[in-house]
Amino acid sequence: MTTTVLAIDIGGTKLAAGIVDGSGSILARGEVPTLAAEGPERVLDRIVRLANDVLGAPGGSADAIQRIGIGCAGMILNPPNLPGWVRVPLVERIEKALGRPAVLENDANAAALGEFRYGAGKGASSLVYLTVSTGIGGGIILDGKIWHGVKDGAGEVGHMTLLPDGPLCGCGNRGCLEALASGPAIARRAREALATERPSRLREAGDFTAADVVRLAQEGDALAAQVWDETVRYLGLGVAAIVTILAPGRVVIGGGVAKAGDFLFAPLRREVRRRVTLVAVESVPILPAALGPDVGILGAAAVALELQLPLKLRRFRRLL
């Protein structure tokens, strides 16, 4: 009998839940705003209501649900986009309310496992996943398993230092990949370039975003193109370091910045090939993520479906 799970994706902006079977088919789903500013108790209530709504949806097959997977944004302890979430007994609350065993995972790790099992990593033995959006996060899959590292610290690819004296990052360090190539960082660097009074159509865009920089770079705006070329170079440095250290079967990149498609991936692959000399880089495909907006639900489902050990051996992942 195919295992069916309930997947819950907890983000700073929205909550999503879905019922997913072993093949990765989403049988039922739902979504509501997180409203994180209301605090953990109200958000927990909202999660439980959403989960019950999904379990009661037509085609949900609620009786077949054997376990629950939870992907949560940010760090497992005190996530910055969920204010007040310090040692919240998330797993216990969900298990008690829904009557099924649950397991919790960082959302980037869950997304990595989802892409590995159902998306661009399908068929590989290892991959590194990067999400390049408001921030830059990552997850590492080695021999089919999430690599957590010491105290769950592995996968923080956005916080490798590229410029020791570079811009201040939200983590407190300077010159991190995230501070140079995330969506907000791209827009910030473009604004800094505009301060030199060079001509650019970005001036007409007002409060522009990274998407505007990409669009105008594609249309030939010289300043936007320079900012984008620098972005690709920074991402290339980061990916080249990952490939040199881990030699993964694949590198998968998702998030809003990855929507640039070949305008990102073609020069990025060239930059990585240029910088990696000790690994067979031609054997490490650099691919766009394949799961799109379903990555949160399918990642949480993959976490639940991968459960093999008795639950008592995983209690260390029970507190958020």
C-alpha atoms as a PDB file:
ATOM      1  CA  MET A   1       0.000   0.000   0.000  1.00  0.00           C
ATOM      2  CA  THR A   2       1.343   3.445  -0.947  1.00  0.00           C
ATOM      3  CA  THR A   3       2.237   5.655   2.011  1.00  0.00           C
ATOM      4  CA  THR A   4       0.222   8.868   2.136  1.00  0.00           C
ATOM      5  CA  VAL A   5       1.293  11.813   4.278  1.00  0.00           C
ATOM      6  CA  LEU A   6       0.131  15.230   5.351  1.00  0.00           C
ATOM      7  CA  ALA A   7       2.658  17.927   4.426  1.00  0.00           C
ATOM      8  CA  ILE A   8       2.734  21.320   6.166  1.00  0.00           C
ATOM      9  CA  ASP A   9       4.843  24.221   4.919  1.00  0.00           C
ATOM     10  CA  ILE A  10       5.262  27.103   7.394  1.00  0.00           C
ATOM     11  CA  GLY A  11       6.525  30.329   5.872  1.00  0.00           C
ATOM     12  CA  GLY A  12       6.762  33.863   7.128  1.00  0.00           C
ATOM     13  CA  THR A  13       4.101  34.981   4.642  1.00  0.00           C
ATOM     14  CA  LYS A  14       1.887  31.950   4.047  1.00  0.00           C
ATOM     15  CA  LEU A  15       1.004  28.546   5.434  1.00  0.00           C
ATOM     16  CA  ALA A  16       0.371  25.685   3.028  1.00  0.00           C
ATOM     17  CA  ALA A  17      -0.714  22.104   3.568  1.00  0.00           C
ATOM     18  CA  GLY A  18      -1.316  19.168   1.291  1.00  0.00           C
ATOM     19  CA  ILE A  19      -1.992  15.457   1.223  1.00  0.00           C
ATOM     20  CA  VAL A  20       0.693  13.730  -0.831  1.00  0.00           C
ATOM     21  CA  ASP A  21       1.077  10.120  -1.888  1.00  0.00           C
ATOM     22  CA  GLY A  22       4.315   8.202  -2.327  1.00  0.00           C
ATOM     23  CA  SER A  23       4.622   9.149  -5.995  1.00  0.00           C
ATOM     24  CA  GLY A  24       4.549  12.864  -5.201  1.00  0.00           C
ATOM     25  CA  SER A  25       0.978  13.474  -6.338  1.00  0.00           C
ATOM     26  CA  ILE A  26      -0.783  16.188  -4.325  1.00  0.00           C
ATOM     27  CA  LEU A  27      -4.268  14.853  -3.627  1.00  0.00           C
ATOM     28  CA  ALA A  28      -5.591  17.892  -1.751  1.00  0.00           C
ATOM     29  CA  ARG A  29      -4.171  21.228  -0.711  1.00  0.00           C
ATOM     30  CA  GLY A  30      -4.888  24.505   1.046  1.00  0.00           C
ATOM     31  CA  GLU A  31      -3.212  27.808   1.821  1.00  0.00           C
ATOM     32  CA  VAL A  32      -3.772  30.714   4.233  1.00  0.00           C
ATOM     33  CA  PRO A  33      -1.747  33.788   5.312  1.00  0.00           C
ATOM     34  CA  THR A  34       0.656  33.217   8.197  1.00  0.00           C
ATOM     35  CA  LEU A  35       0.042  36.566   9.933  1.00  0.00           C
ATOM     36  CA  ALA A  36       3.237  35.928  11.888  1.00  0.00           C
ATOM     37  CA  ALA A  37       2.989  39.182  13.837  1.00  0.00           C
ATOM     38  CA  GLU A  38       0.051  37.713  15.790  1.00  0.00           C
ATOM     39  CA  GLY A  39       2.482  35.392  17.575  1.00  0.00           C
ATOM     40  CA  PRO A  40       3.046  31.638  17.717  1.00  0.00           C
ATOM     41  CA  GLU A  41      -0.175  30.624  19.475  1.00  0.00           C
ATOM     42  CA  ARG A  42      -2.420  32.195  16.847  1.00  0.00           C
ATOM     43  CA  VAL A  43      -0.269  30.816  14.024  1.00  0.00           C
ATOM     44  CA  LEU A  44      -0.342  27.329  15.559  1.00  0.00           C
ATOM     45  CA  ASP A  45      -4.139  27.491  15.721  1.00  0.00           C
ATOM     46  CA  ARG A  46      -4.212  28.565  12.098  1.00  0.00           C
ATOM     47  CA  ILE A  47      -1.948  25.666  11.078  1.00  0.00           C
ATOM     48  CA  VAL A  48      -4.197  23.136  12.796  1.00  0.00           C
ATOM     49  CA  ARG A  49      -7.350  24.583  11.206  1.00  0.00           C
ATOM     50  CA  LEU A  50      -5.725  24.529   7.785  1.00  0.00           C
ATOM     51  CA  ALA A  51      -4.572  20.933   8.258  1.00  0.00           C
ATOM     52  CA  ASN A  52      -8.050  19.831   9.314  1.00  0.00           C
ATOM     53  CA  ASP A  53      -9.576  21.595   6.317  1.00  0.00           C
ATOM     54  CA  VAL A  54      -7.190  19.763   3.984  1.00  0.00           C
ATOM     55  CA  LEU A  55      -7.823  16.425   5.711  1.00  0.00           C
ATOM     56  CA  GLY A  56     -11.545  16.952   5.175  1.00  0.00           C
ATOM     57  CA  ALA A  57     -11.254  18.008   1.544  1.00  0.00           C
ATOM     58  CA  PRO A  58     -12.701  15.787  -1.221  1.00  0.00           C
ATOM     59  CA  GLY A  59     -10.047  13.379  -2.460  1.00  0.00           C
ATOM     60  CA  GLY A  60      -7.955  13.923   0.645  1.00  0.00           C
ATOM     61  CA  SER A  61      -8.105  10.310   1.847  1.00  0.00           C
ATOM     62  CA  ALA A  62      -7.653  11.447   5.437  1.00  0.00           C
ATOM     63  CA  ASP A  63      -7.933   7.921   6.833  1.00  0.00           C
ATOM     64  CA  ALA A  64      -4.858   6.873   4.860  1.00  0.00           C
ATOM     65  CA  ILE A  65      -2.574   9.502   6.417  1.00  0.00           C
ATOM     66  CA  GLN A  66       0.171   7.739   8.356  1.00  0.00           C
ATOM     67  CA  ARG A  67       2.444  10.628   9.324  1.00  0.00           C
ATOM     68  CA  ILE A  68       3.019  14.367   9.004  1.00  0.00           C
ATOM     69  CA  GLY A  69       5.993  16.243   7.561  1.00  0.00           C
ATOM     70  CA  ILE A  70       6.617  19.864   8.499  1.00  0.00           C
ATOM     71  CA  GLY A  71       8.914  22.305   6.709  1.00  0.00           C
ATOM     72  CA  CYS A  72       9.492  25.561   8.592  1.00  0.00           C
ATOM     73  CA  ALA A  73      11.068  28.758   7.281  1.00  0.00           C
ATOM     74  CA  GLY A  74      14.299  29.954   8.788  1.00  0.00           C
ATOM     75  CA  MET A  75      16.443  28.272  11.397  1.00  0.00           C
ATOM     76  CA  ILE A  76      15.017  25.477  13.506  1.00  0.00           C
ATOM     77  CA  LEU A  77      15.485  27.658  16.603  1.00  0.00           C
ATOM     78  CA  ASN A  78      14.174  31.249  16.693  1.00  0.00           C
ATOM     79  CA  PRO A  79      13.467  31.783  12.966  1.00  0.00           C
ATOM     80  CA  PRO A  80      13.838  35.497  12.109  1.00  0.00           C
ATOM     81  CA  ASN A  81      10.657  35.647  10.004  1.00  0.00           C
ATOM     82  CA  LEU A  82       8.495  34.103  12.750  1.00  0.00           C
ATOM     83  CA  PRO A  83       8.804  36.514  15.681  1.00  0.00           C
ATOM     84  CA  GLY A  84       8.401  35.009  19.137  1.00  0.00           C
ATOM     85  CA  TRP A  85       8.993  31.417  17.994  1.00  0.00           C
ATOM     86  CA  VAL A  86      11.539  30.427  20.640  1.00  0.00           C
ATOM     87  CA  ARG A  87      11.343  26.764  21.660  1.00  0.00           C
ATOM     88  CA  VAL A  88       7.731  26.480  20.545  1.00  0.00           C
ATOM     89  CA  PRO A  89       6.607  22.807  20.919  1.00  0.00           C
ATOM     90  CA  LEU A  90       5.455  22.738  17.310  1.00  0.00           C
ATOM     91  CA  VAL A  91       5.664  19.000  16.717  1.00  0.00           C
ATOM     92  CA  GLU A  92       3.919  18.087  19.972  1.00  0.00           C
ATOM     93  CA  ARG A  93       1.087  20.522  19.290  1.00  0.00           C
ATOM     94  CA  ILE A  94       0.508  19.196  15.794  1.00  0.00           C
ATOM     95  CA  GLU A  95       0.747  15.553  16.864  1.00  0.00           C
ATOM     96  CA  LYS A  96      -1.739  16.118  19.679  1.00  0.00           C
ATOM     97  CA  ALA A  97      -4.173  18.077  17.500  1.00  0.00           C
ATOM     98  CA  LEU A  98      -4.045  15.761  14.482  1.00  0.00           C
ATOM     99  CA  GLY A  99      -3.380  12.398  16.127  1.00  0.00           C
ATOM    100  CA  ARG A 100      -0.466  11.320  13.941  1.00  0.00           C
ATOM    101  CA  PRO A 101       3.340  11.267  14.348  1.00  0.00           C
ATOM    102  CA  ALA A 102       5.118  14.283  12.864  1.00  0.00           C
ATOM    103  CA  VAL A 103       8.668  15.287  11.976  1.00  0.00           C
ATOM    104  CA  LEU A 104      10.086  18.801  11.562  1.00  0.00           C
ATOM    105  CA  GLU A 105      12.703  20.008   9.078  1.00  0.00           C
ATOM    106  CA  ASN A 106      14.195  23.324   7.995  1.00  0.00           C
ATOM    107  CA  ASP A 107      12.392  24.443   4.834  1.00  0.00           C
ATOM    108  CA  ALA A 108      15.544  24.673   2.705  1.00  0.00           C
ATOM    109  CA  ASN A 109      16.544  21.126   3.663  1.00  0.00           C
ATOM    110  CA  ALA A 110      13.002  19.959   2.971  1.00  0.00           C
ATOM    111  CA  ALA A 111      13.023  21.681  -0.430  1.00  0.00           C
ATOM    112  CA  ALA A 112      16.339  20.018  -1.240  1.00  0.00           C
ATOM    113  CA  LEU A 113      14.885  16.610  -0.415  1.00  0.00           C
ATOM    114  CA  GLY A 114      11.744  17.399  -2.431  1.00  0.00           C
ATOM    115  CA  GLU A 115      13.778  18.318  -5.509  1.00  0.00           C
ATOM    116  CA  PHE A 116      15.936  15.226  -4.970  1.00  0.00           C
ATOM    117  CA  ARG A 117      12.965  12.901  -4.757  1.00  0.00           C
ATOM    118  CA  TYR A 118      10.509  14.477  -7.216  1.00  0.00           C
ATOM    119  CA  GLY A 119      12.196  17.265  -9.142  1.00  0.00           C
ATOM    120  CA  ALA A 120      15.457  18.265 -10.803  1.00  0.00           C
ATOM    121  CA  GLY A 121      17.491  15.911  -8.623  1.00  0.00           C
ATOM    122  CA  LYS A 122      15.524  12.797  -9.459  1.00  0.00           C
ATOM    123  CA  GLY A 123      17.903   9.940 -10.263  1.00  0.00           C
ATOM    124  CA  ALA A 124      20.973  11.539  -8.665  1.00  0.00           C
ATOM    125  CA  SER A 125      22.724  10.187  -5.575  1.00  0.00           C
ATOM    126  CA  SER A 126      23.584  13.621  -4.197  1.00  0.00           C
ATOM    127  CA  LEU A 127      22.778  17.271  -4.780  1.00  0.00           C
ATOM    128  CA  VAL A 128      23.133  20.735  -3.358  1.00  0.00           C
ATOM    129  CA  TYR A 129      20.050  22.934  -3.529  1.00  0.00           C
ATOM    130  CA  LEU A 130      20.159  26.731  -3.439  1.00  0.00           C
ATOM    131  CA  THR A 131      17.189  29.041  -3.226  1.00  0.00           C
ATOM    132  CA  VAL A 132      18.074  32.559  -4.393  1.00  0.00           C
ATOM    133  CA  SER A 133      15.318  34.940  -3.432  1.00  0.00           C
ATOM    134  CA  THR A 134      14.853  37.374  -0.527  1.00  0.00           C
ATOM    135  CA  GLY A 135      17.762  35.498   1.027  1.00  0.00           C
ATOM    136  CA  ILE A 136      19.971  32.653  -0.140  1.00  0.00           C
ATOM    137  CA  GLY A 137      19.416  29.318   1.584  1.00  0.00           C
ATOM    138  CA  GLY A 138      20.453  25.811   0.803  1.00  0.00           C
ATOM    139  CA  GLY A 139      20.230  22.136   1.536  1.00  0.00           C
ATOM    140  CA  ILE A 140      22.655  19.259   1.008  1.00  0.00           C
ATOM    141  CA  ILE A 141      21.635  15.715   0.082  1.00  0.00           C
ATOM    142  CA  LEU A 142      24.385  13.106   0.362  1.00  0.00           C
ATOM    143  CA  ASP A 143      23.726   9.474  -0.514  1.00  0.00           C
ATOM    144  CA  GLY A 144      20.005  10.199  -0.514  1.00  0.00           C
ATOM    145  CA  LYS A 145      19.893  11.752   2.972  1.00  0.00           C
ATOM    146  CA  ILE A 146      19.825  15.320   4.253  1.00  0.00           C
ATOM    147  CA  TRP A 147      23.212  16.296   5.638  1.00  0.00           C
ATOM    148  CA  HIS A 148      22.500  18.255   8.834  1.00  0.00           C
ATOM    149  CA  GLY A 149      26.024  18.782  10.136  1.00  0.00           C
ATOM    150  CA  VAL A 150      26.839  19.749  13.717  1.00  0.00           C
ATOM    151  CA  LYS A 151      23.731  21.106  15.488  1.00  0.00           C
ATOM    152  CA  ASP A 152      21.853  21.304  12.176  1.00  0.00           C
ATOM    153  CA  GLY A 153      24.272  23.922  10.860  1.00  0.00           C
ATOM    154  CA  ALA A 154      24.908  22.481   7.394  1.00  0.00           C
ATOM    155  CA  GLY A 155      23.601  24.031   4.200  1.00  0.00           C
ATOM    156  CA  GLU A 156      23.982  27.746   4.984  1.00  0.00           C
ATOM    157  CA  VAL A 157      25.376  28.372   1.514  1.00  0.00           C
ATOM    158  CA  GLY A 158      24.213  31.985   1.531  1.00  0.00           C
ATOM    159  CA  HIS A 159      26.649  32.804   4.303  1.00  0.00           C
ATOM    160  CA  MET A 160      29.927  31.767   2.755  1.00  0.00           C
ATOM    161  CA  THR A 161      32.205  34.822   2.696  1.00  0.00           C
ATOM    162  CA  LEU A 162      33.074  36.082  -0.783  1.00  0.00           C
ATOM    163  CA  LEU A 163      34.264  39.626   0.033  1.00  0.00           C
ATOM    164  CA  PRO A 164      35.767  39.885   3.543  1.00  0.00           C
ATOM    165  CA  ASP A 165      35.228  43.663   3.605  1.00  0.00           C
ATOM    166  CA  GLY A 166      32.002  43.576   1.627  1.00  0.00           C
ATOM    167  CA  PRO A 167      28.500  44.738   2.557  1.00  0.00           C
ATOM    168  CA  LEU A 168      27.032  43.845   5.932  1.00  0.00           C
ATOM    169  CA  CYS A 169      24.862  40.730   5.874  1.00  0.00           C
ATOM    170  CA  GLY A 170      21.822  40.068   8.053  1.00  0.00           C
ATOM    171  CA  CYS A 171      23.814  37.335   9.805  1.00  0.00           C
ATOM    172  CA  GLY A 172      26.266  39.949  11.125  1.00  0.00           C
ATOM    173  CA  ASN A 173      29.155  38.989   8.856  1.00  0.00           C
ATOM    174  CA  ARG A 174      30.357  40.969   5.849  1.00  0.00           C
ATOM    175  CA  GLY A 175      30.553  39.993   2.205  1.00  0.00           C
ATOM    176  CA  CYS A 176      28.332  36.907   2.355  1.00  0.00           C
ATOM    177  CA  LEU A 177      26.918  35.499  -0.870  1.00  0.00           C
ATOM    178  CA  GLU A 178      23.450  36.518   0.355  1.00  0.00           C
ATOM    179  CA  ALA A 179      24.575  40.125   0.874  1.00  0.00           C
ATOM    180  CA  LEU A 180      25.813  40.240  -2.713  1.00  0.00           C
ATOM    181  CA  ALA A 181      23.464  38.141  -4.849  1.00  0.00           C
ATOM    182  CA  SER A 182      20.052  37.818  -3.168  1.00  0.00           C
ATOM    183  CA  GLY A 183      17.116  39.696  -4.668  1.00  0.00           C
ATOM    184  CA  PRO A 184      17.359  42.673  -2.267  1.00  0.00           C
ATOM    185  CA  ALA A 185      21.158  42.739  -2.665  1.00  0.00           C
ATOM    186  CA  ILE A 186      20.844  42.973  -6.460  1.00  0.00           C
ATOM    187  CA  ALA A 187      18.479  45.943  -6.117  1.00  0.00           C
ATOM    188  CA  ARG A 188      20.739  47.562  -3.496  1.00  0.00           C
ATOM    189  CA  ARG A 189      23.832  47.284  -5.676  1.00  0.00           C
ATOM    190  CA  ALA A 190      21.911  48.765  -8.595  1.00  0.00           C
ATOM    191  CA  ARG A 191      20.903  51.757  -6.447  1.00  0.00           C
ATOM    192  CA  GLU A 192      24.512  52.225  -5.400  1.00  0.00           C
ATOM    193  CA  ALA A 193      25.536  52.193  -9.060  1.00  0.00           C
ATOM    194  CA  LEU A 194      22.892  54.811  -9.854  1.00  0.00           C
ATOM    195  CA  ALA A 195      24.494  57.099  -7.268  1.00  0.00           C
ATOM    196  CA  THR A 196      27.394  57.533  -9.707  1.00  0.00           C
ATOM    197  CA  GLU A 197      24.920  59.359 -11.999  1.00  0.00           C
ATOM    198  CA  ARG A 198      25.505  56.956 -14.845  1.00  0.00           C
ATOM    199  CA  PRO A 199      22.583  56.859 -17.292  1.00  0.00           C
ATOM    200  CA  SER A 200      20.103  54.025 -16.800  1.00  0.00           C
ATOM    201  CA  ARG A 201      16.427  53.382 -17.334  1.00  0.00           C
ATOM    202  CA  LEU A 202      16.359  52.086 -13.766  1.00  0.00           C
ATOM    203  CA  ARG A 203      15.883  55.719 -12.705  1.00  0.00           C
ATOM    204  CA  GLU A 204      12.442  55.599 -14.324  1.00  0.00           C
ATOM    205  CA  ALA A 205      11.497  52.444 -12.423  1.00  0.00           C
ATOM    206  CA  GLY A 206      11.323  54.185  -9.048  1.00  0.00           C
ATOM    207  CA  ASP A 207      11.349  51.639  -6.217  1.00  0.00           C
ATOM    208  CA  PHE A 208      12.691  48.880  -8.448  1.00  0.00           C
ATOM    209  CA  THR A 209      13.408  45.236  -7.592  1.00  0.00           C
ATOM    210  CA  ALA A 210      15.840  42.591  -8.775  1.00  0.00           C
ATOM    211  CA  ALA A 211      13.269  41.582 -11.411  1.00  0.00           C
ATOM    212  CA  ASP A 212      13.487  45.097 -12.901  1.00  0.00           C
ATOM    213  CA  VAL A 213      17.277  44.856 -12.991  1.00  0.00           C
ATOM    214  CA  VAL A 214      17.048  41.543 -14.855  1.00  0.00           C
ATOM    215  CA  ARG A 215      14.461  42.875 -17.315  1.00  0.00           C
ATOM    216  CA  LEU A 216      16.452  45.992 -18.171  1.00  0.00           C
ATOM    217  CA  ALA A 217      19.701  44.022 -18.401  1.00  0.00           C
ATOM    218  CA  GLN A 218      18.004  41.777 -20.973  1.00  0.00           C
ATOM    219  CA  GLU A 219      16.879  44.905 -22.847  1.00  0.00           C
ATOM    220  CA  GLY A 220      20.436  46.216 -23.044  1.00  0.00           C
ATOM    221  CA  ASP A 221      20.595  48.774 -20.216  1.00  0.00           C
ATOM    222  CA  ALA A 222      24.339  49.044 -19.542  1.00  0.00           C
ATOM    223  CA  LEU A 223      24.163  49.729 -15.813  1.00  0.00           C
ATOM    224  CA  ALA A 224      21.630  46.970 -15.185  1.00  0.00           C
ATOM    225  CA  ALA A 225      23.727  44.586 -17.305  1.00  0.00           C
ATOM    226  CA  GLN A 226      26.821  45.366 -15.240  1.00  0.00           C
ATOM    227  CA  VAL A 227      24.968  44.693 -11.987  1.00  0.00           C
ATOM    228  CA  TRP A 228      23.604  41.429 -13.386  1.00  0.00           C
ATOM    229  CA  ASP A 229      27.033  40.315 -14.640  1.00  0.00           C
ATOM    230  CA  GLU A 230      28.430  40.933 -11.154  1.00  0.00           C
ATOM    231  CA  THR A 231      25.549  38.935  -9.660  1.00  0.00           C
ATOM    232  CA  VAL A 232      26.297  35.979 -11.925  1.00  0.00           C
ATOM    233  CA  ARG A 233      29.977  36.221 -10.989  1.00  0.00           C
ATOM    234  CA  TYR A 234      29.190  36.152  -7.267  1.00  0.00           C
ATOM    235  CA  LEU A 235      26.826  33.198  -7.686  1.00  0.00           C
ATOM    236  CA  GLY A 236      29.467  31.493  -9.810  1.00  0.00           C
ATOM    237  CA  LEU A 237      32.029  31.899  -7.042  1.00  0.00           C
ATOM    238  CA  GLY A 238      29.610  30.346  -4.552  1.00  0.00           C
ATOM    239  CA  VAL A 239      28.586  27.439  -6.745  1.00  0.00           C
ATOM    240  CA  ALA A 240      32.210  26.786  -7.761  1.00  0.00           C
ATOM    241  CA  ALA A 241      33.170  26.517  -4.077  1.00  0.00           C
ATOM    242  CA  ILE A 242      30.308  24.083  -3.473  1.00  0.00           C
ATOM    243  CA  VAL A 243      31.304  21.939  -6.459  1.00  0.00           C
ATOM    244  CA  THR A 244      34.981  21.946  -5.475  1.00  0.00           C
ATOM    245  CA  ILE A 245      34.269  20.910  -1.882  1.00  0.00           C
ATOM    246  CA  LEU A 246      31.405  18.417  -2.342  1.00  0.00           C
ATOM    247  CA  ALA A 247      31.491  17.359  -6.012  1.00  0.00           C
ATOM    248  CA  PRO A 248      27.715  16.707  -5.861  1.00  0.00           C
ATOM    249  CA  GLY A 249      25.827  14.835  -8.535  1.00  0.00           C
ATOM    250  CA  ARG A 250      23.797  17.977  -9.273  1.00  0.00           C
ATOM    251  CA  VAL A 251      23.421  21.589  -8.235  1.00  0.00           C
ATOM    252  CA  VAL A 252      19.790  22.746  -8.281  1.00  0.00           C
ATOM    253  CA  ILE A 253      18.854  26.416  -8.027  1.00  0.00           C
ATOM    254  CA  GLY A 254      15.398  27.768  -7.250  1.00  0.00           C
ATOM    255  CA  GLY A 255      13.846  30.950  -5.892  1.00  0.00           C
ATOM    256  CA  GLY A 256      12.778  34.178  -7.521  1.00  0.00           C
ATOM    257  CA  VAL A 257      16.159  35.075  -9.031  1.00  0.00           C
ATOM    258  CA  ALA A 258      16.262  31.698 -10.805  1.00  0.00           C
ATOM    259  CA  LYS A 259      13.208  32.797 -12.810  1.00  0.00           C
ATOM    260  CA  ALA A 260      15.679  34.612 -15.057  1.00  0.00           C
ATOM    261  CA  GLY A 261      16.128  31.213 -16.729  1.00  0.00           C
ATOM    262  CA  ASP A 262      18.887  30.890 -19.317  1.00  0.00           C
ATOM    263  CA  PHE A 263      19.827  34.524 -18.739  1.00  0.00           C
ATOM    264  CA  LEU A 264      21.151  33.245 -15.402  1.00  0.00           C
ATOM    265  CA  PHE A 265      22.017  29.625 -16.035  1.00  0.00           C
ATOM    266  CA  ALA A 266      24.030  29.938 -19.270  1.00  0.00           C
ATOM    267  CA  PRO A 267      26.597  32.462 -17.931  1.00  0.00           C
ATOM    268  CA  LEU A 268      26.548  30.834 -14.483  1.00  0.00           C
ATOM    269  CA  ARG A 269      27.572  27.480 -15.941  1.00  0.00           C
ATOM    270  CA  ARG A 270      30.390  29.171 -17.854  1.00  0.00           C
ATOM    271  CA  GLU A 271      31.599  30.936 -14.716  1.00  0.00           C
ATOM    272  CA  VAL A 272      31.588  27.701 -12.695  1.00  0.00           C
ATOM    273  CA  ARG A 273      33.410  25.784 -15.436  1.00  0.00           C
ATOM    274  CA  ARG A 274      36.027  28.544 -15.542  1.00  0.00           C
ATOM    275  CA  ARG A 275      36.656  28.434 -11.807  1.00  0.00           C
ATOM    276  CA  VAL A 276      36.517  24.712 -10.986  1.00  0.00           C
ATOM    277  CA  THR A 277      39.770  22.955 -11.875  1.00  0.00           C
ATOM    278  CA  LEU A 278      40.045  19.938  -9.555  1.00  0.00           C
ATOM    279  CA  VAL A 279      36.604  18.366 -10.016  1.00  0.00           C
ATOM    280  CA  ALA A 280      35.065  16.933 -13.197  1.00  0.00           C
ATOM    281  CA  VAL A 281      32.754  19.928 -13.407  1.00  0.00           C
ATOM    282  CA  GLU A 282      31.252  18.786 -16.708  1.00  0.00           C
ATOM    283  CA  SER A 283      29.749  15.895 -14.728  1.00  0.00           C
ATOM    284  CA  VAL A 284      27.939  18.227 -12.309  1.00  0.00           C
ATOM    285  CA  PRO A 285      24.809  19.619 -14.012  1.00  0.00           C
ATOM    286  CA  ILE A 286      23.632  23.014 -12.738  1.00  0.00           C
ATOM    287  CA  LEU A 287      19.866  22.917 -13.142  1.00  0.00           C
ATOM    288  CA  PRO A 288      16.828  25.076 -12.405  1.00  0.00           C
ATOM    289  CA  ALA A 289      14.540  23.740  -9.699  1.00  0.00           C
ATOM    290  CA  ALA A 290      11.587  21.846 -11.126  1.00  0.00           C
ATOM    291  CA  LEU A 291       8.898  21.899  -8.429  1.00  0.00           C
ATOM    292  CA  GLY A 292       7.991  25.588  -8.572  1.00  0.00           C
ATOM    293  CA  PRO A 293       5.348  26.708  -6.061  1.00  0.00           C
ATOM    294  CA  ASP A 294       4.797  23.090  -4.939  1.00  0.00           C
ATOM    295  CA  VAL A 295       8.303  22.795  -3.495  1.00  0.00           C
ATOM    296  CA  GLY A 296       7.187  23.607   0.077  1.00  0.00           C
ATOM    297  CA  ILE A 297       4.468  20.971   0.200  1.00  0.00           C
ATOM    298  CA  LEU A 298       6.449  18.330  -1.684  1.00  0.00           C
ATOM    299  CA  GLY A 299       9.543  19.022   0.414  1.00  0.00           C
ATOM    300  CA  ALA A 300       7.627  18.532   3.665  1.00  0.00           C
ATOM    301  CA  ALA A 301       6.059  15.401   2.200  1.00  0.00           C
ATOM    302  CA  ALA A 302       9.472  14.039   1.241  1.00  0.00           C
ATOM    303  CA  VAL A 303      10.651  14.525   4.825  1.00  0.00           C
ATOM    304  CA  ALA A 304       7.707  12.505   6.140  1.00  0.00           C
ATOM    305  CA  LEU A 305       8.065   9.817   3.497  1.00  0.00           C
ATOM    306  CA  GLU A 306      11.754   9.359   4.283  1.00  0.00           C
ATOM    307  CA  LEU A 307      11.072   8.415   7.919  1.00  0.00           C
ATOM    308  CA  GLN A 308      12.661   5.075   8.713  1.00  0.00           C
ATOM    309  CA  LEU A 309      13.936   5.260  12.306  1.00  0.00           C
ATOM    310  CA  PRO A 310      11.640   4.842  15.328  1.00  0.00           C
ATOM    311  CA  LEU A 311      10.229   8.213  16.329  1.00  0.00           C
ATOM    312  CA  LYS A 312      11.857   8.090  19.767  1.00  0.00           C
ATOM    313  CA  LEU A 313      15.258   8.390  18.053  1.00  0.00           C
ATOM    314  CA  ARG A 314      14.237  11.684  16.441  1.00  0.00           C
ATOM    315  CA  ARG A 315      12.908  13.586  19.452  1.00  0.00           C
ATOM    316  CA  PHE A 316      15.788  16.074  19.187  1.00  0.00           C
ATOM    317  CA  ARG A 317      13.932  17.651  16.242  1.00  0.00           C
ATOM    318  CA  ARG A 318      10.720  18.181  18.169  1.00  0.00           C
ATOM    319  CA  LEU A 319      11.142  21.779  19.342  1.00  0.00           C
ATOM    320  CA  LEU A 320      11.156  24.766  17.019  1.00  0.00           C
END
